[in-house]
Amino acid sequence: MRDIAYEQAIFKHYQKMLKLLEEFSLENPDTWKERDLLAIQRTLQIFIESFIGFARYFVQQKYQLSVSQSREAVEELKHKGDLTFEQYRQILKIIGFRNVLVHDYLDVDEEIVRNIIRNKNYLFLNDFFSKWQQELNLKSY
């Protein structure tokens, strides 16, 4: 059964984090102070976690599978044909980066953070959010 309140809440958080990331992408990364980098890291973490939560929810809705790990959700989506191997690989990379932000926060490479924002490497997740939301709206799972 769909949880529209959950969908709206997660989408709201996702949109908020996307807006913040887009604002940072307009700035010169060389002018960022330490607090900016910490804010960007936290924003990226929430942005990626929102994606992970929605991916798990989508798998549950579409395939009636309950997955507890982010990697499990992504593997199911690849296995079921919702993701190409390249998309799967990209998503695993971003999930790995989220794990660094959360667990290895002492070793976050600031240049990687700058490059992610400068190159907008987070935007590819947007396509999945939109596609999965549309699919949920079109079909009654």
C-alpha atoms as a PDB file:
ATOM      1  CA  MET A   1       0.000   0.000   0.000  1.00  0.00           C
ATOM      2  CA  ARG A   2       1.332   3.388  -0.973  1.00  0.00           C
ATOM      3  CA  ASP A   3       2.299   5.878   1.689  1.00  0.00           C
ATOM      4  CA  ILE A   4       1.637   9.225   0.058  1.00  0.00           C
ATOM      5  CA  ALA A   5       2.695  11.137   3.193  1.00  0.00           C
ATOM      6  CA  TYR A   6       6.092   9.384   3.095  1.00  0.00           C
ATOM      7  CA  GLU A   7       6.465  10.088  -0.611  1.00  0.00           C
ATOM      8  CA  GLN A   8       5.697  13.765  -0.091  1.00  0.00           C
ATOM      9  CA  ALA A   9       8.051  14.076   2.883  1.00  0.00           C
ATOM     10  CA  ILE A  10      10.973  12.389   1.173  1.00  0.00           C
ATOM     11  CA  PHE A  11      10.425  14.349  -2.018  1.00  0.00           C
ATOM     12  CA  LYS A  12      10.292  17.602  -0.016  1.00  0.00           C
ATOM     13  CA  HIS A  13      13.645  16.817   1.664  1.00  0.00           C
ATOM     14  CA  TYR A  14      15.145  15.770  -1.637  1.00  0.00           C
ATOM     15  CA  GLN A  15      14.005  18.984  -3.353  1.00  0.00           C
ATOM     16  CA  LYS A  16      15.306  21.119  -0.493  1.00  0.00           C
ATOM     17  CA  MET A  17      18.737  19.476  -0.639  1.00  0.00           C
ATOM     18  CA  LEU A  18      18.799  19.728  -4.440  1.00  0.00           C
ATOM     19  CA  LYS A  19      18.099  23.452  -4.211  1.00  0.00           C
ATOM     20  CA  LEU A  20      20.949  23.928  -1.728  1.00  0.00           C
ATOM     21  CA  LEU A  21      23.359  21.921  -3.882  1.00  0.00           C
ATOM     22  CA  GLU A  22      22.375  23.970  -6.926  1.00  0.00           C
ATOM     23  CA  GLU A  23      23.023  27.191  -4.983  1.00  0.00           C
ATOM     24  CA  PHE A  24      26.470  25.964  -3.969  1.00  0.00           C
ATOM     25  CA  SER A  25      27.201  24.962  -7.573  1.00  0.00           C
ATOM     26  CA  LEU A  26      26.791  28.608  -8.616  1.00  0.00           C
ATOM     27  CA  GLU A  27      29.530  29.714  -6.238  1.00  0.00           C
ATOM     28  CA  ASN A  28      33.272  29.589  -6.729  1.00  0.00           C
ATOM     29  CA  PRO A  29      34.420  26.489  -4.801  1.00  0.00           C
ATOM     30  CA  ASP A  30      37.746  28.166  -4.065  1.00  0.00           C
ATOM     31  CA  THR A  31      35.947  30.686  -1.840  1.00  0.00           C
ATOM     32  CA  TRP A  32      34.228  28.080   0.331  1.00  0.00           C
ATOM     33  CA  LYS A  33      35.129  28.182   3.978  1.00  0.00           C
ATOM     34  CA  GLU A  34      35.281  25.145   6.216  1.00  0.00           C
ATOM     35  CA  ARG A  35      31.681  25.672   7.353  1.00  0.00           C
ATOM     36  CA  ASP A  36      30.574  25.726   3.695  1.00  0.00           C
ATOM     37  CA  LEU A  37      32.314  22.423   3.020  1.00  0.00           C
ATOM     38  CA  LEU A  38      30.747  20.877   6.110  1.00  0.00           C
ATOM     39  CA  ALA A  39      27.319  22.181   5.072  1.00  0.00           C
ATOM     40  CA  ILE A  40      27.806  20.786   1.559  1.00  0.00           C
ATOM     41  CA  GLN A  41      28.855  17.407   2.932  1.00  0.00           C
ATOM     42  CA  ARG A  42      25.772  17.244   5.150  1.00  0.00           C
ATOM     43  CA  THR A  43      23.547  18.357   2.277  1.00  0.00           C
ATOM     44  CA  LEU A  44      25.017  15.679   0.005  1.00  0.00           C
ATOM     45  CA  GLN A  45      24.508  13.081   2.720  1.00  0.00           C
ATOM     46  CA  ILE A  46      20.819  13.937   3.158  1.00  0.00           C
ATOM     47  CA  PHE A  47      20.330  14.185  -0.600  1.00  0.00           C
ATOM     48  CA  ILE A  48      21.803  10.715  -1.149  1.00  0.00           C
ATOM     49  CA  GLU A  49      19.957   9.241   1.834  1.00  0.00           C
ATOM     50  CA  SER A  50      16.685  10.600   0.437  1.00  0.00           C
ATOM     51  CA  PHE A  51      17.450   8.844  -2.823  1.00  0.00           C
ATOM     52  CA  ILE A  52      18.273   5.600  -1.008  1.00  0.00           C
ATOM     53  CA  GLY A  53      15.067   5.788   0.999  1.00  0.00           C
ATOM     54  CA  PHE A  54      13.027   6.352  -2.123  1.00  0.00           C
ATOM     55  CA  ALA A  55      14.778   3.501  -3.948  1.00  0.00           C
ATOM     56  CA  ARG A  56      13.942   1.130  -1.078  1.00  0.00           C
ATOM     57  CA  TYR A  57      10.357   2.372  -1.046  1.00  0.00           C
ATOM     58  CA  PHE A  58      10.061   1.970  -4.817  1.00  0.00           C
ATOM     59  CA  VAL A  59      11.290  -1.637  -4.621  1.00  0.00           C
ATOM     60  CA  GLN A  60       8.787  -2.316  -1.867  1.00  0.00           C
ATOM     61  CA  GLN A  61       5.922  -0.775  -3.836  1.00  0.00           C
ATOM     62  CA  LYS A  62       6.722  -2.245  -7.230  1.00  0.00           C
ATOM     63  CA  TYR A  63       7.964  -5.698  -6.271  1.00  0.00           C
ATOM     64  CA  GLN A  64       6.536  -6.173  -2.769  1.00  0.00           C
ATOM     65  CA  LEU A  65      10.078  -6.751  -1.518  1.00  0.00           C
ATOM     66  CA  SER A  66      11.273  -5.377   1.763  1.00  0.00           C
ATOM     67  CA  VAL A  67      14.964  -4.504   1.642  1.00  0.00           C
ATOM     68  CA  SER A  68      16.849  -3.174   4.617  1.00  0.00           C
ATOM     69  CA  GLN A  69      20.095  -2.177   2.930  1.00  0.00           C
ATOM     70  CA  SER A  70      20.603   0.444   0.245  1.00  0.00           C
ATOM     71  CA  ARG A  71      22.748  -1.912  -1.784  1.00  0.00           C
ATOM     72  CA  GLU A  72      19.998  -4.550  -1.744  1.00  0.00           C
ATOM     73  CA  ALA A  73      17.503  -2.093  -3.220  1.00  0.00           C
ATOM     74  CA  VAL A  74      19.889  -1.089  -5.978  1.00  0.00           C
ATOM     75  CA  GLU A  75      20.755  -4.721  -6.727  1.00  0.00           C
ATOM     76  CA  GLU A  76      17.060  -5.607  -6.995  1.00  0.00           C
ATOM     77  CA  LEU A  77      16.458  -2.689  -9.346  1.00  0.00           C
ATOM     78  CA  LYS A  78      19.336  -3.847 -11.546  1.00  0.00           C
ATOM     79  CA  HIS A  79      18.205  -7.466 -11.399  1.00  0.00           C
ATOM     80  CA  LYS A  80      14.628  -6.541 -12.353  1.00  0.00           C
ATOM     81  CA  GLY A  81      15.772  -4.370 -15.266  1.00  0.00           C
ATOM     82  CA  ASP A  82      14.984  -0.968 -13.774  1.00  0.00           C
ATOM     83  CA  LEU A  83      18.680  -0.018 -13.905  1.00  0.00           C
ATOM     84  CA  THR A  84      21.335  -0.596 -16.517  1.00  0.00           C
ATOM     85  CA  PHE A  85      24.714  -1.862 -15.361  1.00  0.00           C
ATOM     86  CA  GLU A  86      26.183   1.631 -15.823  1.00  0.00           C
ATOM     87  CA  GLN A  87      23.401   3.244 -13.775  1.00  0.00           C
ATOM     88  CA  TYR A  88      23.881   0.583 -11.127  1.00  0.00           C
ATOM     89  CA  ARG A  89      27.616   1.283 -11.044  1.00  0.00           C
ATOM     90  CA  GLN A  90      27.086   5.056 -10.744  1.00  0.00           C
ATOM     91  CA  ILE A  91      24.577   4.645  -7.942  1.00  0.00           C
ATOM     92  CA  LEU A  92      26.885   2.324  -6.019  1.00  0.00           C
ATOM     93  CA  LYS A  93      29.618   4.957  -6.321  1.00  0.00           C
ATOM     94  CA  ILE A  94      27.410   7.676  -4.874  1.00  0.00           C
ATOM     95  CA  ILE A  95      26.232   5.356  -2.093  1.00  0.00           C
ATOM     96  CA  GLY A  96      29.884   4.608  -1.358  1.00  0.00           C
ATOM     97  CA  PHE A  97      30.554   8.331  -1.146  1.00  0.00           C
ATOM     98  CA  ARG A  98      27.629   8.708   1.257  1.00  0.00           C
ATOM     99  CA  ASN A  99      29.198   5.975   3.403  1.00  0.00           C
ATOM    100  CA  VAL A 100      32.452   7.947   3.465  1.00  0.00           C
ATOM    101  CA  LEU A 101      30.551  11.065   4.541  1.00  0.00           C
ATOM    102  CA  VAL A 102      28.852   9.184   7.361  1.00  0.00           C
ATOM    103  CA  HIS A 103      31.494   6.744   8.554  1.00  0.00           C
ATOM    104  CA  ASP A 104      34.846   8.103   7.392  1.00  0.00           C
ATOM    105  CA  TYR A 105      34.097  11.780   7.881  1.00  0.00           C
ATOM    106  CA  LEU A 106      37.631  12.405   9.120  1.00  0.00           C
ATOM    107  CA  ASP A 107      39.023  11.382   5.743  1.00  0.00           C
ATOM    108  CA  VAL A 108      36.674  13.221   3.356  1.00  0.00           C
ATOM    109  CA  ASP A 109      38.691  14.600   0.463  1.00  0.00           C
ATOM    110  CA  GLU A 110      37.577  18.210   0.031  1.00  0.00           C
ATOM    111  CA  GLU A 111      38.639  18.208  -3.605  1.00  0.00           C
ATOM    112  CA  ILE A 112      36.225  15.362  -4.328  1.00  0.00           C
ATOM    113  CA  VAL A 113      33.436  17.359  -2.690  1.00  0.00           C
ATOM    114  CA  ARG A 114      34.352  20.405  -4.781  1.00  0.00           C
ATOM    115  CA  ASN A 115      34.354  18.340  -7.977  1.00  0.00           C
ATOM    116  CA  ILE A 116      30.988  16.759  -7.206  1.00  0.00           C
ATOM    117  CA  ILE A 117      29.421  20.187  -6.791  1.00  0.00           C
ATOM    118  CA  ARG A 118      31.333  21.828  -9.643  1.00  0.00           C
ATOM    119  CA  ASN A 119      30.401  19.050 -12.089  1.00  0.00           C
ATOM    120  CA  LYS A 120      26.928  18.512 -10.608  1.00  0.00           C
ATOM    121  CA  ASN A 121      27.589  14.780 -10.332  1.00  0.00           C
ATOM    122  CA  TYR A 122      24.573  14.441  -8.050  1.00  0.00           C
ATOM    123  CA  LEU A 123      22.050  15.437 -10.739  1.00  0.00           C
ATOM    124  CA  PHE A 124      21.817  12.009 -12.361  1.00  0.00           C
ATOM    125  CA  LEU A 125      19.818  10.831  -9.335  1.00  0.00           C
ATOM    126  CA  ASN A 126      17.095  13.293 -10.332  1.00  0.00           C
ATOM    127  CA  ASP A 127      16.131  11.185 -13.333  1.00  0.00           C
ATOM    128  CA  PHE A 128      15.369   8.196 -11.110  1.00  0.00           C
ATOM    129  CA  PHE A 129      13.329  10.216  -8.653  1.00  0.00           C
ATOM    130  CA  SER A 130      11.199  11.578 -11.481  1.00  0.00           C
ATOM    131  CA  LYS A 131      10.866   8.256 -13.303  1.00  0.00           C
ATOM    132  CA  TRP A 132       9.970   6.266 -10.207  1.00  0.00           C
ATOM    133  CA  GLN A 133       7.507   8.893  -8.994  1.00  0.00           C
ATOM    134  CA  GLN A 134       5.781   8.844 -12.384  1.00  0.00           C
ATOM    135  CA  GLU A 135       5.672   5.067 -12.388  1.00  0.00           C
ATOM    136  CA  LEU A 136       4.118   5.012  -8.933  1.00  0.00           C
ATOM    137  CA  ASN A 137       1.537   7.549 -10.036  1.00  0.00           C
ATOM    138  CA  LEU A 138       0.643   5.646 -13.205  1.00  0.00           C
ATOM    139  CA  LYS A 139       0.303   2.217 -11.684  1.00  0.00           C
ATOM    140  CA  SER A 140      -1.412   1.012  -8.601  1.00  0.00           C
ATOM    141  CA  TYR A 141       0.978  -1.332  -6.808  1.00  0.00           C
END
